[in-house]
Amino acid sequence: VEPSTECWETATFDNNTCAWTVSGTQPVEPSTECWETATFDN
């Protein structure tokens, strides 16, 4: 079964290992000022 992935991830089936490979990294959280809040929108 294909694994669940986050929006920044991609699942690819590898026929050599016969398994799903998940790749991708979440975008880096931006620098914020003390009055700002950064929230990730999926």
All heavy atoms as atom14 arrays in JSON, in Angstrom:
{
  "sequence": "VEPSTECWETATFDNNTCAWTVSGTQPVEPSTECWETATFDN",
  "atom14_mask": [
    [1, 1, 1, 1, 1, 1, 1, 0, 0, 0, 0, 0, 0, 0],
    [1, 1, 1, 1, 1, 1, 1, 1, 1, 0, 0, 0, 0, 0],
    [1, 1, 1, 1, 1, 1, 1, 0, 0, 0, 0, 0, 0, 0],
    [1, 1, 1, 1, 1, 1, 0, 0, 0, 0, 0, 0, 0, 0],
    [1, 1, 1, 1, 1, 1, 1, 0, 0, 0, 0, 0, 0, 0],
    [1, 1, 1, 1, 1, 1, 1, 1, 1, 0, 0, 0, 0, 0],
    [1, 1, 1, 1, 1, 1, 0, 0, 0, 0, 0, 0, 0, 0],
    [1, 1, 1, 1, 1, 1, 1, 1, 1, 1, 1, 1, 1, 1],
    [1, 1, 1, 1, 1, 1, 1, 1, 1, 0, 0, 0, 0, 0],
    [1, 1, 1, 1, 1, 1, 1, 0, 0, 0, 0, 0, 0, 0],
    [1, 1, 1, 1, 1, 0, 0, 0, 0, 0, 0, 0, 0, 0],
    [1, 1, 1, 1, 1, 1, 1, 0, 0, 0, 0, 0, 0, 0],
    [1, 1, 1, 1, 1, 1, 1, 1, 1, 1, 1, 0, 0, 0],
    [1, 1, 1, 1, 1, 1, 1, 1, 0, 0, 0, 0, 0, 0],
    [1, 1, 1, 1, 1, 1, 1, 1, 0, 0, 0, 0, 0, 0],
    [1, 1, 1, 1, 1, 1, 1, 1, 0, 0, 0, 0, 0, 0],
    [1, 1, 1, 1, 1, 1, 1, 0, 0, 0, 0, 0, 0, 0],
    [1, 1, 1, 1, 1, 1, 0, 0, 0, 0, 0, 0, 0, 0],
    [1, 1, 1, 1, 1, 0, 0, 0, 0, 0, 0, 0, 0, 0],
    [1, 1, 1, 1, 1, 1, 1, 1, 1, 1, 1, 1, 1, 1],
    [1, 1, 1, 1, 1, 1, 1, 0, 0, 0, 0, 0, 0, 0],
    [1, 1, 1, 1, 1, 1, 1, 0, 0, 0, 0, 0, 0, 0],
    [1, 1, 1, 1, 1, 1, 0, 0, 0, 0, 0, 0, 0, 0],
    [1, 1, 1, 1, 0, 0, 0, 0, 0, 0, 0, 0, 0, 0],
    [1, 1, 1, 1, 1, 1, 1, 0, 0, 0, 0, 0, 0, 0],
    [1, 1, 1, 1, 1, 1, 1, 1, 1, 0, 0, 0, 0, 0],
    [1, 1, 1, 1, 1, 1, 1, 0, 0, 0, 0, 0, 0, 0],
    [1, 1, 1, 1, 1, 1, 1, 0, 0, 0, 0, 0, 0, 0],
    [1, 1, 1, 1, 1, 1, 1, 1, 1, 0, 0, 0, 0, 0],
    [1, 1, 1, 1, 1, 1, 1, 0, 0, 0, 0, 0, 0, 0],
    [1, 1, 1, 1, 1, 1, 0, 0, 0, 0, 0, 0, 0, 0],
    [1, 1, 1, 1, 1, 1, 1, 0, 0, 0, 0, 0, 0, 0],
    [1, 1, 1, 1, 1, 1, 1, 1, 1, 0, 0, 0, 0, 0],
    [1, 1, 1, 1, 1, 1, 0, 0, 0, 0, 0, 0, 0, 0],
    [1, 1, 1, 1, 1, 1, 1, 1, 1, 1, 1, 1, 1, 1],
    [1, 1, 1, 1, 1, 1, 1, 1, 1, 0, 0, 0, 0, 0],
    [1, 1, 1, 1, 1, 1, 1, 0, 0, 0, 0, 0, 0, 0],
    [1, 1, 1, 1, 1, 0, 0, 0, 0, 0, 0, 0, 0, 0],
    [1, 1, 1, 1, 1, 1, 1, 0, 0, 0, 0, 0, 0, 0],
    [1, 1, 1, 1, 1, 1, 1, 1, 1, 1, 1, 0, 0, 0],
    [1, 1, 1, 1, 1, 1, 1, 1, 0, 0, 0, 0, 0, 0],
    [1, 1, 1, 1, 1, 1, 1, 1, 0, 0, 0, 0, 0, 0]
  ],
  "atom14_positions": [
    [[0.84, -1.2, 0.0], [0.0, 0.0, 0.0], [0.88, 1.25, 0.0], [1.88, 1.32, 0.72], [-0.92, 0.0, 1.25], [-1.72, 1.29, 1.33], [-1.83, -1.21, 1.22], [0.0, 0.0, 0.0], [0.0, 0.0, 0.0], [0.0, 0.0, 0.0], [0.0, 0.0, 0.0], [0.0, 0.0, 0.0], [0.0, 0.0, 0.0], [0.0, 0.0, 0.0]],
    [[0.5, 2.22, -0.83], [1.25, 3.48, -0.89], [1.12, 4.19, 0.46], [0.03, 4.3, 1.01], [0.7, 4.38, -1.99], [1.46, 5.67, -2.16], [1.0, 6.49, -3.36], [0.19, 6.01, -4.15], [1.46, 7.64, -3.49], [0.0, 0.0, 0.0], [0.0, 0.0, 0.0], [0.0, 0.0, 0.0], [0.0, 0.0, 0.0], [0.0, 0.0, 0.0]],
    [[2.24, 4.68, 1.01], [2.18, 5.33, 2.32], [1.52, 6.71, 2.24], [1.51, 7.35, 1.18], [3.65, 5.46, 2.73], [4.39, 5.5, 1.43], [3.6, 4.63, 0.49], [0.0, 0.0, 0.0], [0.0, 0.0, 0.0], [0.0, 0.0, 0.0], [0.0, 0.0, 0.0], [0.0, 0.0, 0.0], [0.0, 0.0, 0.0], [0.0, 0.0, 0.0]],
    [[0.98, 7.15, 3.36], [0.45, 8.51, 3.45], [1.63, 9.48, 3.42], [2.67, 9.19, 4.01], [-0.33, 8.7, 4.75], [-1.44, 7.85, 4.77], [0.0, 0.0, 0.0], [0.0, 0.0, 0.0], [0.0, 0.0, 0.0], [0.0, 0.0, 0.0], [0.0, 0.0, 0.0], [0.0, 0.0, 0.0], [0.0, 0.0, 0.0], [0.0, 0.0, 0.0]],
    [[1.46, 10.57, 2.74], [2.55, 11.55, 2.64], [2.04, 12.93, 3.01], [0.84, 13.21, 2.94], [3.13, 11.6, 1.21], [2.07, 11.9, 0.29], [3.79, 10.3, 0.82], [0.0, 0.0, 0.0], [0.0, 0.0, 0.0], [0.0, 0.0, 0.0], [0.0, 0.0, 0.0], [0.0, 0.0, 0.0], [0.0, 0.0, 0.0], [0.0, 0.0, 0.0]],
    [[2.97, 13.78, 3.41], [2.67, 15.18, 3.64], [2.66, 15.88, 2.28], [3.15, 15.34, 1.3], [3.73, 15.81, 4.56], [3.81, 15.17, 5.93], [2.57, 15.39, 6.79], [1.84, 16.39, 6.58], [2.32, 14.58, 7.69], [0.0, 0.0, 0.0], [0.0, 0.0, 0.0], [0.0, 0.0, 0.0], [0.0, 0.0, 0.0], [0.0, 0.0, 0.0]],
    [[2.15, 17.11, 2.23], [2.01, 17.81, 0.94], [3.34, 18.01, 0.23], [3.38, 18.08, -0.99], [1.28, 19.13, 1.13], [2.12, 20.32, 2.2], [0.0, 0.0, 0.0], [0.0, 0.0, 0.0], [0.0, 0.0, 0.0], [0.0, 0.0, 0.0], [0.0, 0.0, 0.0], [0.0, 0.0, 0.0], [0.0, 0.0, 0.0], [0.0, 0.0, 0.0]],
    [[4.43, 18.08, 0.97], [5.75, 18.32, 0.36], [6.47, 17.03, 0.0], [7.54, 17.06, -0.55], [6.63, 19.16, 1.29], [6.96, 18.47, 2.56], [7.98, 17.58, 2.77], [6.27, 18.56, 3.79], [7.96, 17.12, 4.06], [6.91, 17.71, 4.71], [5.15, 19.28, 4.23], [6.49, 17.58, 6.02], [4.74, 19.14, 5.53], [5.4, 18.3, 6.4]],
    [[5.87, 15.89, 0.3], [6.5, 14.6, 0.05], [5.94, 13.93, -1.2], [4.8, 14.16, -1.58], [6.31, 13.66, 1.24], [6.98, 14.14, 2.5], [6.69, 13.24, 3.69], [5.53, 12.84, 3.86], [7.63, 12.96, 4.44], [0.0, 0.0, 0.0], [0.0, 0.0, 0.0], [0.0, 0.0, 0.0], [0.0, 0.0, 0.0], [0.0, 0.0, 0.0]],
    [[6.75, 13.06, -1.8], [6.35, 12.27, -2.95], [6.67, 10.81, -2.67], [7.76, 10.5, -2.18], [7.12, 12.72, -4.21], [6.87, 14.1, -4.42], [6.67, 11.95, -5.44], [0.0, 0.0, 0.0], [0.0, 0.0, 0.0], [0.0, 0.0, 0.0], [0.0, 0.0, 0.0], [0.0, 0.0, 0.0], [0.0, 0.0, 0.0], [0.0, 0.0, 0.0]],
    [[5.72, 9.92, -2.96], [5.96, 8.49, -2.78], [6.16, 7.87, -4.17], [5.34, 8.06, -5.07], [4.79, 7.82, -2.07], [0.0, 0.0, 0.0], [0.0, 0.0, 0.0], [0.0, 0.0, 0.0], [0.0, 0.0, 0.0], [0.0, 0.0, 0.0], [0.0, 0.0, 0.0], [0.0, 0.0, 0.0], [0.0, 0.0, 0.0], [0.0, 0.0, 0.0]],
    [[7.26, 7.15, -4.34], [7.59, 6.5, -5.6], [7.85, 5.03, -5.32], [8.58, 4.7, -4.38], [8.86, 7.13, -6.21], [8.67, 8.54, -6.29], [9.12, 6.58, -7.6], [0.0, 0.0, 0.0], [0.0, 0.0, 0.0], [0.0, 0.0, 0.0], [0.0, 0.0, 0.0], [0.0, 0.0, 0.0], [0.0, 0.0, 0.0], [0.0, 0.0, 0.0]],
    [[7.28, 4.15, -6.15], [7.5, 2.73, -5.94], [8.81, 2.32, -6.6], [9.04, 2.6, -7.77], [6.34, 1.9, -6.5], [6.37, 0.48, -6.02], [5.97, 0.17, -4.74], [6.86, -0.54, -6.83], [6.03, -1.13, -4.26], [6.92, -1.84, -6.37], [6.5, -2.14, -5.09], [0.0, 0.0, 0.0], [0.0, 0.0, 0.0], [0.0, 0.0, 0.0]],
    [[9.68, 1.67, -5.84], [10.99, 1.22, -6.31], [10.91, -0.27, -6.61], [10.77, -1.09, -5.7], [12.05, 1.5, -5.24], [13.45, 1.16, -5.69], [13.63, 0.3, -6.58], [14.39, 1.75, -5.13], [0.0, 0.0, 0.0], [0.0, 0.0, 0.0], [0.0, 0.0, 0.0], [0.0, 0.0, 0.0], [0.0, 0.0, 0.0], [0.0, 0.0, 0.0]],
    [[10.96, -0.63, -7.9], [10.86, -2.04, -8.29], [12.09, -2.87, -7.92], [12.03, -4.09, -7.9], [10.58, -2.16, -9.79], [9.15, -1.82, -10.12], [8.22, -2.32, -9.49], [8.95, -0.95, -11.1], [0.0, 0.0, 0.0], [0.0, 0.0, 0.0], [0.0, 0.0, 0.0], [0.0, 0.0, 0.0], [0.0, 0.0, 0.0], [0.0, 0.0, 0.0]],
    [[13.22, -2.2, -7.63], [14.42, -2.94, -7.22], [14.3, -3.42, -5.78], [14.64, -4.56, -5.47], [15.67, -2.07, -7.38], [15.94, -1.76, -8.84], [15.77, -2.61, -9.71], [16.37, -0.55, -9.12], [0.0, 0.0, 0.0], [0.0, 0.0, 0.0], [0.0, 0.0, 0.0], [0.0, 0.0, 0.0], [0.0, 0.0, 0.0], [0.0, 0.0, 0.0]],
    [[13.82, -2.54, -4.9], [13.68, -2.91, -3.49], [12.27, -3.42, -3.19], [12.02, -3.93, -2.1], [13.96, -1.71, -2.57], [12.99, -0.68, -2.85], [15.37, -1.18, -2.77], [0.0, 0.0, 0.0], [0.0, 0.0, 0.0], [0.0, 0.0, 0.0], [0.0, 0.0, 0.0], [0.0, 0.0, 0.0], [0.0, 0.0, 0.0], [0.0, 0.0, 0.0]],
    [[11.38, -3.25, -4.13], [9.97, -3.65, -3.98], [9.34, -2.94, -2.78], [8.62, -3.54, -1.99], [9.83, -5.17, -3.87], [8.18, -5.73, -4.38], [0.0, 0.0, 0.0], [0.0, 0.0, 0.0], [0.0, 0.0, 0.0], [0.0, 0.0, 0.0], [0.0, 0.0, 0.0], [0.0, 0.0, 0.0], [0.0, 0.0, 0.0], [0.0, 0.0, 0.0]],
    [[9.64, -1.65, -2.66], [9.11, -0.86, -1.55], [8.86, 0.57, -2.02], [9.41, 1.01, -3.02], [10.09, -0.87, -0.39], [0.0, 0.0, 0.0], [0.0, 0.0, 0.0], [0.0, 0.0, 0.0], [0.0, 0.0, 0.0], [0.0, 0.0, 0.0], [0.0, 0.0, 0.0], [0.0, 0.0, 0.0], [0.0, 0.0, 0.0], [0.0, 0.0, 0.0]],
    [[8.03, 1.28, -1.26], [7.77, 2.68, -1.55], [8.9, 3.53, -0.96], [9.34, 3.3, 0.16], [6.44, 3.11, -0.92], [5.26, 2.56, -1.67], [4.57, 1.43, -1.37], [4.66, 3.11, -2.83], [3.57, 1.24, -2.29], [3.59, 2.25, -3.2], [4.9, 4.23, -3.61], [2.78, 2.5, -4.3], [4.08, 4.48, -4.7], [3.05, 3.62, -5.04]],
    [[9.34, 4.52, -1.73], [10.35, 5.46, -1.27], [9.69, 6.82, -1.15], [9.09, 7.31, -2.11], [11.52, 5.54, -2.28], [12.08, 4.23, -2.42], [12.58, 6.51, -1.82], [0.0, 0.0, 0.0], [0.0, 0.0, 0.0], [0.0, 0.0, 0.0], [0.0, 0.0, 0.0], [0.0, 0.0, 0.0], [0.0, 0.0, 0.0], [0.0, 0.0, 0.0]],
    [[9.78, 7.41, 0.04], [9.19, 8.74, 0.28], [10.32, 9.76, 0.28], [11.34, 9.58, 0.96], [8.43, 8.76, 1.62], [7.89, 10.15, 1.9], [7.29, 7.74, 1.6], [0.0, 0.0, 0.0], [0.0, 0.0, 0.0], [0.0, 0.0, 0.0], [0.0, 0.0, 0.0], [0.0, 0.0, 0.0], [0.0, 0.0, 0.0], [0.0, 0.0, 0.0]],
    [[10.16, 10.82, -0.52], [11.19, 11.85, -0.58], [10.54, 13.23, -0.49], [9.34, 13.37, -0.69], [12.0, 11.72, -1.87], [11.14, 11.86, -2.99], [0.0, 0.0, 0.0], [0.0, 0.0, 0.0], [0.0, 0.0, 0.0], [0.0, 0.0, 0.0], [0.0, 0.0, 0.0], [0.0, 0.0, 0.0], [0.0, 0.0, 0.0], [0.0, 0.0, 0.0]],
    [[11.35, 14.21, -0.19], [10.88, 15.59, -0.1], [11.09, 16.13, 1.31], [11.15, 15.38, 2.27], [0.0, 0.0, 0.0], [0.0, 0.0, 0.0], [0.0, 0.0, 0.0], [0.0, 0.0, 0.0], [0.0, 0.0, 0.0], [0.0, 0.0, 0.0], [0.0, 0.0, 0.0], [0.0, 0.0, 0.0], [0.0, 0.0, 0.0], [0.0, 0.0, 0.0]],
    [[11.23, 17.43, 1.4], [11.41, 18.07, 2.7], [10.46, 19.25, 2.82], [10.15, 19.91, 1.83], [12.85, 18.58, 2.88], [13.17, 19.46, 1.8], [13.86, 17.45, 2.91], [0.0, 0.0, 0.0], [0.0, 0.0, 0.0], [0.0, 0.0, 0.0], [0.0, 0.0, 0.0], [0.0, 0.0, 0.0], [0.0, 0.0, 0.0], [0.0, 0.0, 0.0]],
    [[10.02, 19.47, 4.04], [9.11, 20.58, 4.31], [9.84, 21.9, 4.05], [11.02, 22.02, 4.4], [8.62, 20.52, 5.75], [7.6, 21.58, 6.09], [7.13, 21.48, 7.53], [7.85, 21.01, 8.4], [5.92, 21.92, 7.8], [0.0, 0.0, 0.0], [0.0, 0.0, 0.0], [0.0, 0.0, 0.0], [0.0, 0.0, 0.0], [0.0, 0.0, 0.0]],
    [[9.16, 22.86, 3.44], [9.81, 24.16, 3.25], [10.28, 24.72, 4.6], [9.65, 24.5, 5.63], [8.69, 25.03, 2.67], [7.73, 24.06, 2.05], [7.81, 22.82, 2.9], [0.0, 0.0, 0.0], [0.0, 0.0, 0.0], [0.0, 0.0, 0.0], [0.0, 0.0, 0.0], [0.0, 0.0, 0.0], [0.0, 0.0, 0.0], [0.0, 0.0, 0.0]],
    [[11.39, 25.42, 4.58], [11.98, 25.98, 5.8], [11.05, 27.05, 6.38], [10.51, 27.88, 5.65], [13.36, 26.58, 5.49], [13.96, 27.26, 6.71], [14.29, 25.51, 4.96], [0.0, 0.0, 0.0], [0.0, 0.0, 0.0], [0.0, 0.0, 0.0], [0.0, 0.0, 0.0], [0.0, 0.0, 0.0], [0.0, 0.0, 0.0], [0.0, 0.0, 0.0]],
    [[10.88, 26.98, 7.7], [10.04, 27.98, 8.37], [10.7, 29.35, 8.23], [11.9, 29.49, 8.46], [9.87, 27.64, 9.84], [8.95, 28.56, 10.59], [8.68, 28.13, 12.02], [9.07, 27.02, 12.39], [8.08, 28.92, 12.75], [0.0, 0.0, 0.0], [0.0, 0.0, 0.0], [0.0, 0.0, 0.0], [0.0, 0.0, 0.0], [0.0, 0.0, 0.0]],
    [[9.92, 30.37, 7.85], [10.52, 31.7, 7.65], [10.9, 32.34, 8.98], [10.33, 32.02, 10.03], [9.41, 32.48, 6.95], [8.14, 31.82, 7.39], [8.49, 30.36, 7.56], [0.0, 0.0, 0.0], [0.0, 0.0, 0.0], [0.0, 0.0, 0.0], [0.0, 0.0, 0.0], [0.0, 0.0, 0.0], [0.0, 0.0, 0.0], [0.0, 0.0, 0.0]],
    [[11.85, 33.24, 8.92], [12.21, 34.03, 10.1], [11.05, 34.99, 10.37], [10.47, 35.56, 9.44], [13.48, 34.83, 9.85], [14.56, 33.96, 9.64], [0.0, 0.0, 0.0], [0.0, 0.0, 0.0], [0.0, 0.0, 0.0], [0.0, 0.0, 0.0], [0.0, 0.0, 0.0], [0.0, 0.0, 0.0], [0.0, 0.0, 0.0], [0.0, 0.0, 0.0]],
    [[10.73, 35.17, 11.62], [9.61, 36.05, 11.97], [10.07, 37.07, 13.01], [11.04, 36.86, 13.73], [8.42, 35.25, 12.54], [8.88, 34.48, 13.66], [7.81, 34.33, 11.5], [0.0, 0.0, 0.0], [0.0, 0.0, 0.0], [0.0, 0.0, 0.0], [0.0, 0.0, 0.0], [0.0, 0.0, 0.0], [0.0, 0.0, 0.0], [0.0, 0.0, 0.0]],
    [[9.34, 38.16, 13.06], [9.55, 39.15, 14.11], [8.82, 38.66, 15.36], [8.0, 37.75, 15.29], [8.99, 40.51, 13.66], [9.65, 41.08, 12.42], [11.1, 41.47, 12.64], [11.49, 41.76, 13.78], [11.86, 41.47, 11.65], [0.0, 0.0, 0.0], [0.0, 0.0, 0.0], [0.0, 0.0, 0.0], [0.0, 0.0, 0.0], [0.0, 0.0, 0.0]],
    [[9.11, 39.27, 16.5], [8.54, 38.77, 17.76], [7.01, 38.82, 17.77], [6.38, 38.01, 18.44], [9.11, 39.54, 18.95], [8.76, 41.32, 18.94], [0.0, 0.0, 0.0], [0.0, 0.0, 0.0], [0.0, 0.0, 0.0], [0.0, 0.0, 0.0], [0.0, 0.0, 0.0], [0.0, 0.0, 0.0], [0.0, 0.0, 0.0], [0.0, 0.0, 0.0]],
    [[6.4, 39.68, 17.02], [4.93, 39.8, 17.0], [4.28, 38.92, 15.92], [3.07, 38.87, 15.81], [4.53, 41.26, 16.79], [4.91, 41.8, 15.44], [4.21, 41.67, 14.28], [6.1, 42.49, 15.11], [4.89, 42.25, 13.24], [6.06, 42.78, 13.73], [7.21, 42.93, 15.85], [7.07, 43.46, 13.08], [8.2, 43.62, 15.19], [8.12, 43.87, 13.83]],
    [[5.08, 38.22, 15.14], [4.55, 37.38, 14.06], [4.52, 35.9, 14.46], [5.31, 35.45, 15.28], [5.4, 37.53, 12.8], [5.36, 38.92, 12.2], [6.29, 39.06, 11.01], [7.44, 38.56, 11.08], [5.87, 39.66, 10.02], [0.0, 0.0, 0.0], [0.0, 0.0, 0.0], [0.0, 0.0, 0.0], [0.0, 0.0, 0.0], [0.0, 0.0, 0.0]],
    [[3.62, 35.17, 13.82], [3.51, 33.73, 14.02], [3.52, 33.07, 12.64], [2.82, 33.51, 11.74], [2.19, 33.37, 14.73], [2.16, 34.05, 15.99], [2.09, 31.88, 14.97], [0.0, 0.0, 0.0], [0.0, 0.0, 0.0], [0.0, 0.0, 0.0], [0.0, 0.0, 0.0], [0.0, 0.0, 0.0], [0.0, 0.0, 0.0], [0.0, 0.0, 0.0]],
    [[4.33, 32.01, 12.5], [4.37, 31.25, 11.24], [3.62, 29.94, 11.46], [3.9, 29.19, 12.41], [5.8, 30.98, 10.83], [0.0, 0.0, 0.0], [0.0, 0.0, 0.0], [0.0, 0.0, 0.0], [0.0, 0.0, 0.0], [0.0, 0.0, 0.0], [0.0, 0.0, 0.0], [0.0, 0.0, 0.0], [0.0, 0.0, 0.0], [0.0, 0.0, 0.0]],
    [[2.65, 29.67, 10.6], [1.85, 28.44, 10.67], [1.92, 27.76, 9.32], [1.75, 28.41, 8.28], [0.38, 28.77, 11.0], [0.34, 29.58, 12.18], [-0.43, 27.51, 11.22], [0.0, 0.0, 0.0], [0.0, 0.0, 0.0], [0.0, 0.0, 0.0], [0.0, 0.0, 0.0], [0.0, 0.0, 0.0], [0.0, 0.0, 0.0], [0.0, 0.0, 0.0]],
    [[2.15, 26.45, 9.34], [2.24, 25.72, 8.07], [0.84, 25.35, 7.59], [0.05, 24.78, 8.34], [3.1, 24.47, 8.2], [3.48, 23.89, 6.88], [4.48, 24.46, 6.12], [2.82, 22.79, 6.36], [4.83, 23.96, 4.87], [3.15, 22.27, 5.12], [4.16, 22.86, 4.38], [0.0, 0.0, 0.0], [0.0, 0.0, 0.0], [0.0, 0.0, 0.0]],
    [[0.52, 25.7, 6.33], [-0.79, 25.4, 5.73], [-0.63, 24.17, 4.84], [0.02, 24.23, 3.8], [-1.26, 26.61, 4.9], [-2.64, 26.42, 4.32], [-3.08, 25.27, 4.09], [-3.31, 27.45, 4.08], [0.0, 0.0, 0.0], [0.0, 0.0, 0.0], [0.0, 0.0, 0.0], [0.0, 0.0, 0.0], [0.0, 0.0, 0.0], [0.0, 0.0, 0.0]],
    [[-1.23, 23.05, 5.26], [-1.12, 21.8, 4.49], [-1.91, 21.83, 3.19], [-1.67, 21.01, 2.31], [-1.59, 20.61, 5.34], [-0.54, 20.23, 6.37], [0.62, 20.06, 6.04], [-0.96, 20.09, 7.61], [0.0, 0.0, 0.0], [0.0, 0.0, 0.0], [0.0, 0.0, 0.0], [0.0, 0.0, 0.0], [0.0, 0.0, 0.0], [0.0, 0.0, 0.0]]
  ]
}
